[in-house]
Structures are given as structure tokens and as C-alpha cells.
N, C-alpha and C. Protein backbone atom coordinates (compact mmCIF):
# COMPACT_ATOMS: atom_id res chain seq x y z
N MET A 1 -103.40 26.02 137.76
CA MET A 1 -102.69 26.10 139.07
C MET A 1 -101.18 26.32 138.75
N THR A 2 -100.45 27.21 139.51
CA THR A 2 -99.23 27.15 139.44
C THR A 2 -98.53 26.94 140.69
N GLN A 3 -97.59 26.45 140.85
CA GLN A 3 -96.90 26.20 142.23
C GLN A 3 -95.28 26.61 142.18
N LYS A 4 -94.87 26.98 143.42
CA LYS A 4 -93.56 27.34 143.56
C LYS A 4 -92.97 26.58 144.61
N VAL A 5 -91.50 26.44 144.56
CA VAL A 5 -90.84 25.59 145.32
C VAL A 5 -89.71 26.25 146.20
N ILE A 6 -89.68 26.01 147.37
CA ILE A 6 -88.49 26.67 148.26
C ILE A 6 -87.77 25.33 148.78
N GLU A 7 -86.51 25.66 149.35
CA GLU A 7 -85.93 24.66 149.91
C GLU A 7 -85.72 24.95 151.54
N VAL A 8 -85.97 24.40 152.20
CA VAL A 8 -85.91 24.47 153.65
C VAL A 8 -85.24 23.36 154.22
N ILE A 9 -84.29 23.88 155.35
CA ILE A 9 -83.34 22.78 155.74
C ILE A 9 -83.94 22.69 157.37
N GLY A 10 -84.30 21.37 157.85
CA GLY A 10 -84.85 21.15 159.18
C GLY A 10 -83.81 20.47 159.61
N THR A 11 -83.53 20.54 161.29
CA THR A 11 -82.65 19.72 162.00
C THR A 11 -83.27 19.24 163.24
N SER A 12 -82.65 18.08 163.68
CA SER A 12 -83.22 17.60 164.90
C SER A 12 -82.29 16.53 165.67
N LYS A 13 -82.27 16.44 166.90
CA LYS A 13 -81.37 15.64 167.52
C LYS A 13 -82.00 14.31 167.71
N GLU A 14 -83.28 14.09 167.14
CA GLU A 14 -84.10 12.81 167.36
C GLU A 14 -84.05 11.93 166.06
N SER A 15 -84.33 12.37 164.92
CA SER A 15 -84.55 11.51 163.84
C SER A 15 -84.57 12.53 162.45
N PHE A 16 -84.37 11.90 161.35
CA PHE A 16 -84.63 12.47 160.19
C PHE A 16 -86.26 12.81 159.90
N ALA A 17 -87.02 12.00 160.43
CA ALA A 17 -88.54 12.32 160.30
C ALA A 17 -88.64 13.64 160.91
N LYS A 18 -88.39 13.81 162.23
CA LYS A 18 -88.33 14.96 162.95
C LYS A 18 -87.82 16.39 162.32
N ALA A 19 -86.72 15.93 161.72
CA ALA A 19 -86.08 17.24 161.03
C ALA A 19 -86.81 17.54 159.82
N ALA A 20 -87.32 16.45 159.08
CA ALA A 20 -88.30 16.99 157.93
C ALA A 20 -89.52 17.61 158.46
N GLU A 21 -90.09 17.15 159.38
CA GLU A 21 -91.28 17.72 160.07
C GLU A 21 -91.03 19.28 160.46
N LEU A 22 -90.00 19.43 161.09
CA LEU A 22 -89.64 20.73 161.61
C LEU A 22 -89.37 21.66 160.39
N ALA A 23 -88.77 21.13 159.45
CA ALA A 23 -88.68 22.03 158.14
C ALA A 23 -90.01 22.50 157.60
N VAL A 24 -90.99 21.52 157.49
CA VAL A 24 -92.27 21.85 157.06
C VAL A 24 -93.03 22.93 158.02
N LYS A 25 -92.80 22.76 159.20
CA LYS A 25 -93.54 23.65 160.30
C LYS A 25 -92.95 25.17 160.20
N GLU A 26 -91.51 25.11 159.90
CA GLU A 26 -90.98 26.48 159.92
C GLU A 26 -91.28 27.34 158.67
N ALA A 27 -91.51 26.44 157.43
CA ALA A 27 -91.87 27.00 156.25
C ALA A 27 -93.41 27.50 156.44
N ALA A 28 -94.14 26.68 157.17
CA ALA A 28 -95.60 27.20 157.49
C ALA A 28 -95.84 28.37 158.30
N LYS A 29 -94.84 28.77 158.92
CA LYS A 29 -94.93 30.10 159.55
C LYS A 29 -94.99 31.35 158.48
N THR A 30 -94.62 31.31 157.50
CA THR A 30 -94.58 32.43 156.33
C THR A 30 -95.30 32.07 155.04
N VAL A 31 -95.45 30.75 154.79
CA VAL A 31 -95.85 30.29 153.63
C VAL A 31 -97.35 29.77 153.66
N ARG A 32 -98.30 30.22 152.74
CA ARG A 32 -99.84 29.75 152.63
C ARG A 32 -99.79 28.88 151.50
N GLY A 33 -100.85 27.87 151.89
CA GLY A 33 -101.02 27.01 150.62
C GLY A 33 -99.98 25.94 150.37
N ILE A 34 -99.42 25.51 151.44
CA ILE A 34 -98.39 24.35 151.23
C ILE A 34 -99.27 23.08 150.71
N LYS A 35 -98.73 22.67 149.59
CA LYS A 35 -99.37 21.23 149.32
C LYS A 35 -98.48 19.84 149.18
N TRP A 36 -97.18 20.27 149.13
CA TRP A 36 -96.36 18.94 149.11
C TRP A 36 -95.04 19.48 149.66
N ALA A 37 -94.39 18.35 150.29
CA ALA A 37 -92.90 18.39 150.69
C ALA A 37 -92.12 17.15 150.04
N HIS A 38 -91.13 17.52 149.88
CA HIS A 38 -90.15 16.15 149.20
C HIS A 38 -88.71 16.43 149.93
N VAL A 39 -88.37 15.36 150.58
CA VAL A 39 -87.07 15.31 151.27
C VAL A 39 -85.80 14.95 150.20
N ASP A 40 -85.24 16.04 149.81
CA ASP A 40 -84.20 16.11 148.90
C ASP A 40 -83.02 15.41 149.41
N SER A 41 -82.66 15.35 150.80
CA SER A 41 -81.56 14.84 151.15
C SER A 41 -81.38 14.85 152.71
N LEU A 42 -80.64 13.72 153.15
CA LEU A 42 -80.39 13.33 154.51
C LEU A 42 -79.13 13.29 154.79
N ASP A 43 -78.77 14.24 155.71
CA ASP A 43 -77.27 14.32 156.55
C ASP A 43 -77.27 13.86 157.95
N MET A 44 -76.15 13.67 158.44
CA MET A 44 -75.96 13.58 159.72
C MET A 44 -74.68 14.32 160.11
N GLN A 45 -74.88 14.95 161.38
CA GLN A 45 -73.72 15.63 161.96
C GLN A 45 -73.00 14.47 162.86
N LEU A 46 -71.79 14.10 162.97
CA LEU A 46 -71.20 13.05 163.72
C LEU A 46 -70.18 13.57 164.45
N ASP A 47 -69.93 12.82 165.58
CA ASP A 47 -68.56 12.88 166.48
C ASP A 47 -68.35 11.18 166.68
N GLY A 48 -67.27 11.04 165.68
CA GLY A 48 -66.81 9.71 165.46
C GLY A 48 -68.07 8.72 165.00
N ALA A 49 -68.59 7.83 165.79
CA ALA A 49 -69.66 7.02 165.36
C ALA A 49 -71.05 7.55 165.92
N LYS A 50 -70.89 8.51 166.78
CA LYS A 50 -72.14 8.86 167.36
C LYS A 50 -72.80 10.13 166.67
N VAL A 51 -74.07 9.93 166.37
CA VAL A 51 -74.80 10.90 165.58
C VAL A 51 -75.22 12.11 166.73
N LEU A 52 -74.93 13.50 166.36
CA LEU A 52 -75.05 14.68 167.08
C LEU A 52 -76.44 15.16 166.74
N GLU A 53 -76.57 15.04 165.12
CA GLU A 53 -77.84 15.87 164.61
C GLU A 53 -78.16 15.14 163.37
N TYR A 54 -79.57 15.16 163.17
CA TYR A 54 -79.96 14.76 161.77
C TYR A 54 -80.59 16.14 160.92
N ARG A 55 -80.19 15.96 159.92
CA ARG A 55 -80.67 17.21 158.95
C ARG A 55 -81.35 16.74 157.78
N ALA A 56 -82.50 17.38 157.31
CA ALA A 56 -83.33 16.89 156.27
C ALA A 56 -83.46 18.21 155.29
N THR A 57 -82.86 18.19 154.11
CA THR A 57 -83.15 19.25 153.10
C THR A 57 -84.42 19.01 152.37
N THR A 58 -85.19 19.95 152.55
CA THR A 58 -86.70 19.52 152.22
C THR A 58 -87.09 20.52 151.24
N LYS A 59 -87.88 20.05 150.03
CA LYS A 59 -88.50 21.16 149.06
C LYS A 59 -89.83 21.07 149.40
N ILE A 60 -90.37 22.45 149.57
CA ILE A 60 -91.63 22.82 149.98
C ILE A 60 -92.50 23.38 148.76
N TYR A 61 -93.43 22.52 148.34
CA TYR A 61 -94.32 23.02 147.27
C TYR A 61 -95.57 23.77 147.81
N PHE A 62 -95.73 24.96 147.06
CA PHE A 62 -97.15 25.58 147.52
C PHE A 62 -97.60 26.51 146.26
N ASN A 63 -98.87 26.68 146.43
CA ASN A 63 -99.57 27.34 145.25
C ASN A 63 -99.25 28.91 145.05
N VAL A 64 -99.18 29.21 144.00
CA VAL A 64 -98.73 30.62 144.08
C VAL A 64 -100.25 31.58 143.80
N GLU A 65 -100.49 32.46 144.60
CA GLU A 65 -101.72 33.09 144.70
C GLU A 65 -101.85 34.38 143.41
N HIS A 66 -103.08 34.10 142.56
CA HIS A 66 -103.10 35.07 141.45
C HIS A 66 -103.85 36.29 141.94
């Protein structure tokens, strides 16, 4: 089995978990055979002490079809 990795950034106004989930959902629109996802980094857009948006940079692993 051979796998490929792509990086997708998901954003959410709710949480890091939702941002990561949205990254996977977006990748699934065009990628078949997704097997794993790894959250590589987490960031927040801020306005002073207020969180405006959560961002999850997510690596998506999927099988390469032969």
C-alpha cells in the first residue's frame, strides 16, 4: 500500500476540533480513500484577548490507487 499526504487548513469560529473536522470534510469532496488525518498546528485569529477564528492545519493521508 502506498499513501499520499496533502495539507488542508480548516477554519471555524467555534473550536479547533470543528476546524479540523471541516478540513477533513473539504478534502473528502475531491479525495477518495482517506485513512488518517493529523492536526499539524493550531492557530487563533485574535482581536486583543477575543478569539475571532480557530485554524487547524491538517495533514490528510489517503491511499494511492494503482
